[in-house]
C-alpha atoms as a PDB file:
ATOM      1  CA  GLY A   1      41.884 -37.172  68.560  1.00  0.00           C
ATOM      2  CA  TYR A   2      43.918 -33.929  68.595  1.00  0.00           C
ATOM      3  CA  GLY A   3      47.354 -33.195  67.937  1.00  0.00           C
ATOM      4  CA  GLY A   4      49.653 -30.069  66.859  1.00  0.00           C
ATOM      5  CA  LEU A   5      51.392 -27.445  68.823  1.00  0.00           C
ATOM      6  CA  ASP A   6      48.471 -26.827  71.227  1.00  0.00           C
ATOM      7  CA  CYS A   7      46.612 -30.006  70.835  1.00  0.00           C
ATOM      8  CA  ARG A   8      43.656 -28.351  69.272  1.00  0.00           C
ATOM      9  CA  THR A   9      44.204 -29.833  65.705  1.00  0.00           C
ATOM     10  CA  HIS A  10      41.947 -32.563  64.833  1.00  0.00           C
ATOM     11  CA  VAL A  11      44.383 -35.096  63.657  1.00  0.00           C
ATOM     12  CA  THR A  12      41.020 -36.977  61.902  1.00  0.00           C
ATOM     13  CA  ASP A  13      40.910 -34.158  59.310  1.00  0.00           C
ATOM     14  CA  CYS A  14      42.497 -35.997  56.815  1.00  0.00           C
ATOM     15  CA  ILE A  15      40.472 -39.210  57.282  1.00  0.00           C
ATOM     16  CA  ASP A  16      37.667 -37.706  55.541  1.00  0.00           C
ATOM     17  CA  GLU A  17      39.857 -37.467  52.391  1.00  0.00           C
ATOM     18  CA  PRO A  18      38.733 -33.701  51.719  1.00  0.00           C
ATOM     19  CA  CYS A  19      40.936 -33.347  48.853  1.00  0.00           C
ATOM     20  CA  ARG A  20      39.301 -33.838  45.536  1.00  0.00           C
ATOM     21  CA  ASN A  21      40.623 -34.892  41.999  1.00  0.00           C
ATOM     22  CA  ASN A  22      43.361 -37.080  43.528  1.00  0.00           C
ATOM     23  CA  GLY A  23      44.597 -34.337  45.670  1.00  0.00           C
ATOM     24  CA  SER A  24      46.711 -35.431  48.714  1.00  0.00           C
ATOM     25  CA  CYS A  25      45.945 -34.373  52.309  1.00  0.00           C
ATOM     26  CA  ALA A  26      48.418 -32.960  54.826  1.00  0.00           C
ATOM     27  CA  LEU A  27      47.882 -32.204  58.505  1.00  0.00           C
ATOM     28  CA  GLN A  28      48.656 -28.730  59.435  1.00  0.00           C
ATOM     29  CA  PRO A  29      48.594 -26.944  62.883  1.00  0.00           C
ATOM     30  CA  ASN A  30      45.126 -25.315  62.089  1.00  0.00           C
ATOM     31  CA  GLY A  31      43.589 -28.026  60.079  1.00  0.00           C
ATOM     32  CA  PHE A  32      44.755 -29.481  56.790  1.00  0.00           C
ATOM     33  CA  GLU A  33      46.138 -28.539  53.422  1.00  0.00           C
ATOM     34  CA  CYS A  34      45.506 -30.144  49.985  1.00  0.00           C
ATOM     35  CA  HIS A  35      48.384 -30.531  47.551  1.00  0.00           C
ATOM     36  CA  CYS A  36      46.733 -30.818  44.315  1.00  0.00           C
ATOM     37  CA  ALA A  37      47.508 -33.045  41.365  1.00  0.00           C
ATOM     38  CA  PRO A  38      48.727 -31.122  37.965  1.00  0.00           C
ATOM     39  CA  GLY A  39      45.664 -29.291  36.462  1.00  0.00           C
ATOM     40  CA  CYS A  40      43.568 -28.888  39.818  1.00  0.00           C
ATOM     41  CA  GLU A  41      43.709 -26.031  42.239  1.00  0.00           C
ATOM     42  CA  GLY A  42      41.417 -24.588  44.916  1.00  0.00           C
ATOM     43  CA  THR A  43      41.252 -25.298  48.925  1.00  0.00           C
ATOM     44  CA  THR A  44      40.252 -28.951  48.137  1.00  0.00           C
ATOM     45  CA  CYS A  45      41.500 -29.345  44.592  1.00  0.00           C
ATOM     46  CA  GLU A  46      37.948 -28.879  43.482  1.00  0.00           C
ATOM     47  CA  GLU A  47      38.658 -26.562  40.672  1.00  0.00           C
ATOM     48  CA  ASP A  48      40.127 -27.624  37.036  1.00  0.00           C
ATOM     49  CA  VAL A  49      42.844 -25.267  35.756  1.00  0.00           C
ATOM     50  CA  ASN A  50      42.105 -23.881  32.428  1.00  0.00           C
ATOM     51  CA  GLU A  51      45.229 -24.635  30.537  1.00  0.00           C
ATOM     52  CA  CYS A  52      43.739 -22.518  27.378  1.00  0.00           C
ATOM     53  CA  LEU A  53      44.061 -19.191  29.405  1.00  0.00           C
ATOM     54  CA  SER A  54      47.700 -19.186  28.519  1.00  0.00           C
ATOM     55  CA  GLU A  55      47.064 -19.668  24.924  1.00  0.00           C
ATOM     56  CA  PRO A  56      49.311 -22.508  24.108  1.00  0.00           C
ATOM     57  CA  CYS A  57      47.479 -22.904  20.645  1.00  0.00           C
ATOM     58  CA  GLN A  58      49.142 -21.132  17.697  1.00  0.00           C
ATOM     59  CA  ASN A  59      48.489 -19.816  14.351  1.00  0.00           C
ATOM     60  CA  GLY A  60      44.480 -19.181  14.891  1.00  0.00           C
ATOM     61  CA  ALA A  61      43.786 -22.722  16.411  1.00  0.00           C
ATOM     62  CA  ILE A  62      40.819 -23.266  18.810  1.00  0.00           C
ATOM     63  CA  CYS A  63      41.818 -24.669  22.187  1.00  0.00           C
ATOM     64  CA  MET A  64      39.736 -26.879  24.063  1.00  0.00           C
ATOM     65  CA  ASP A  65      40.501 -27.265  27.735  1.00  0.00           C
ATOM     66  CA  GLY A  66      40.380 -30.634  29.563  1.00  0.00           C
ATOM     67  CA  VAL A  67      40.981 -32.069  33.141  1.00  0.00           C
ATOM     68  CA  ALA A  68      44.731 -31.527  33.515  1.00  0.00           C
ATOM     69  CA  GLU A  69      45.064 -30.995  29.306  1.00  0.00           C
ATOM     70  CA  PHE A  70      44.299 -29.121  26.475  1.00  0.00           C
ATOM     71  CA  SER A  71      43.680 -29.582  22.854  1.00  0.00           C
ATOM     72  CA  CYS A  72      44.001 -27.549  19.898  1.00  0.00           C
ATOM     73  CA  PHE A  73      42.101 -27.730  16.831  1.00  0.00           C
ATOM     74  CA  CYS A  74      44.182 -26.424  14.001  1.00  0.00           C
ATOM     75  CA  VAL A  75      43.050 -24.374  10.974  1.00  0.00           C
ATOM     76  CA  PRO A  76      43.896 -25.617   7.732  1.00  0.00           C
ATOM     77  CA  GLY A  77      47.440 -25.342   6.713  1.00  0.00           C
ATOM     78  CA  PHE A  78      48.786 -26.142  10.262  1.00  0.00           C
ATOM     79  CA  GLN A  79      49.335 -29.086  12.453  1.00  0.00           C
ATOM     80  CA  GLY A  80      51.319 -30.258  15.197  1.00  0.00           C
ATOM     81  CA  PHE A  81      50.606 -30.353  18.940  1.00  0.00           C
ATOM     82  CA  ASN A  82      50.020 -26.397  19.392  1.00  0.00           C
ATOM     83  CA  CYS A  83      49.478 -25.919  15.541  1.00  0.00           C
ATOM     84  CA  GLU A  84      52.877 -24.566  15.332  1.00  0.00           C
ATOM     85  CA  ILE A  85      53.982 -26.324  12.098  1.00  0.00           C
ATOM     86  CA  ASP A  86      53.053 -24.464   8.745  1.00  0.00           C
ATOM     87  CA  ILE A  87      52.507 -27.502   6.373  1.00  0.00           C
ATOM     88  CA  ASN A  88      51.998 -25.180   3.222  1.00  0.00           C
ATOM     89  CA  GLU A  89      55.711 -24.077   3.178  1.00  0.00           C
END
């Protein structure tokens, strides 16, 4: 069927579940809009956000991006979620 201000919007746009990665679909006057879950972005939530781009790991640690998360691999002498703790002091 059709709906919206001018009855030109397919109200079935969200029935096909176009939003990926647990995104939610909302009908809009010109189609649909996806509201992405944390860690995803893009028109249909198809892109994984690279959490390592903000350089969260400290003290020379290596950041590994995951889906909606990241992990820091600390260099010797450091520990903690972001390798922020100097264990040599």
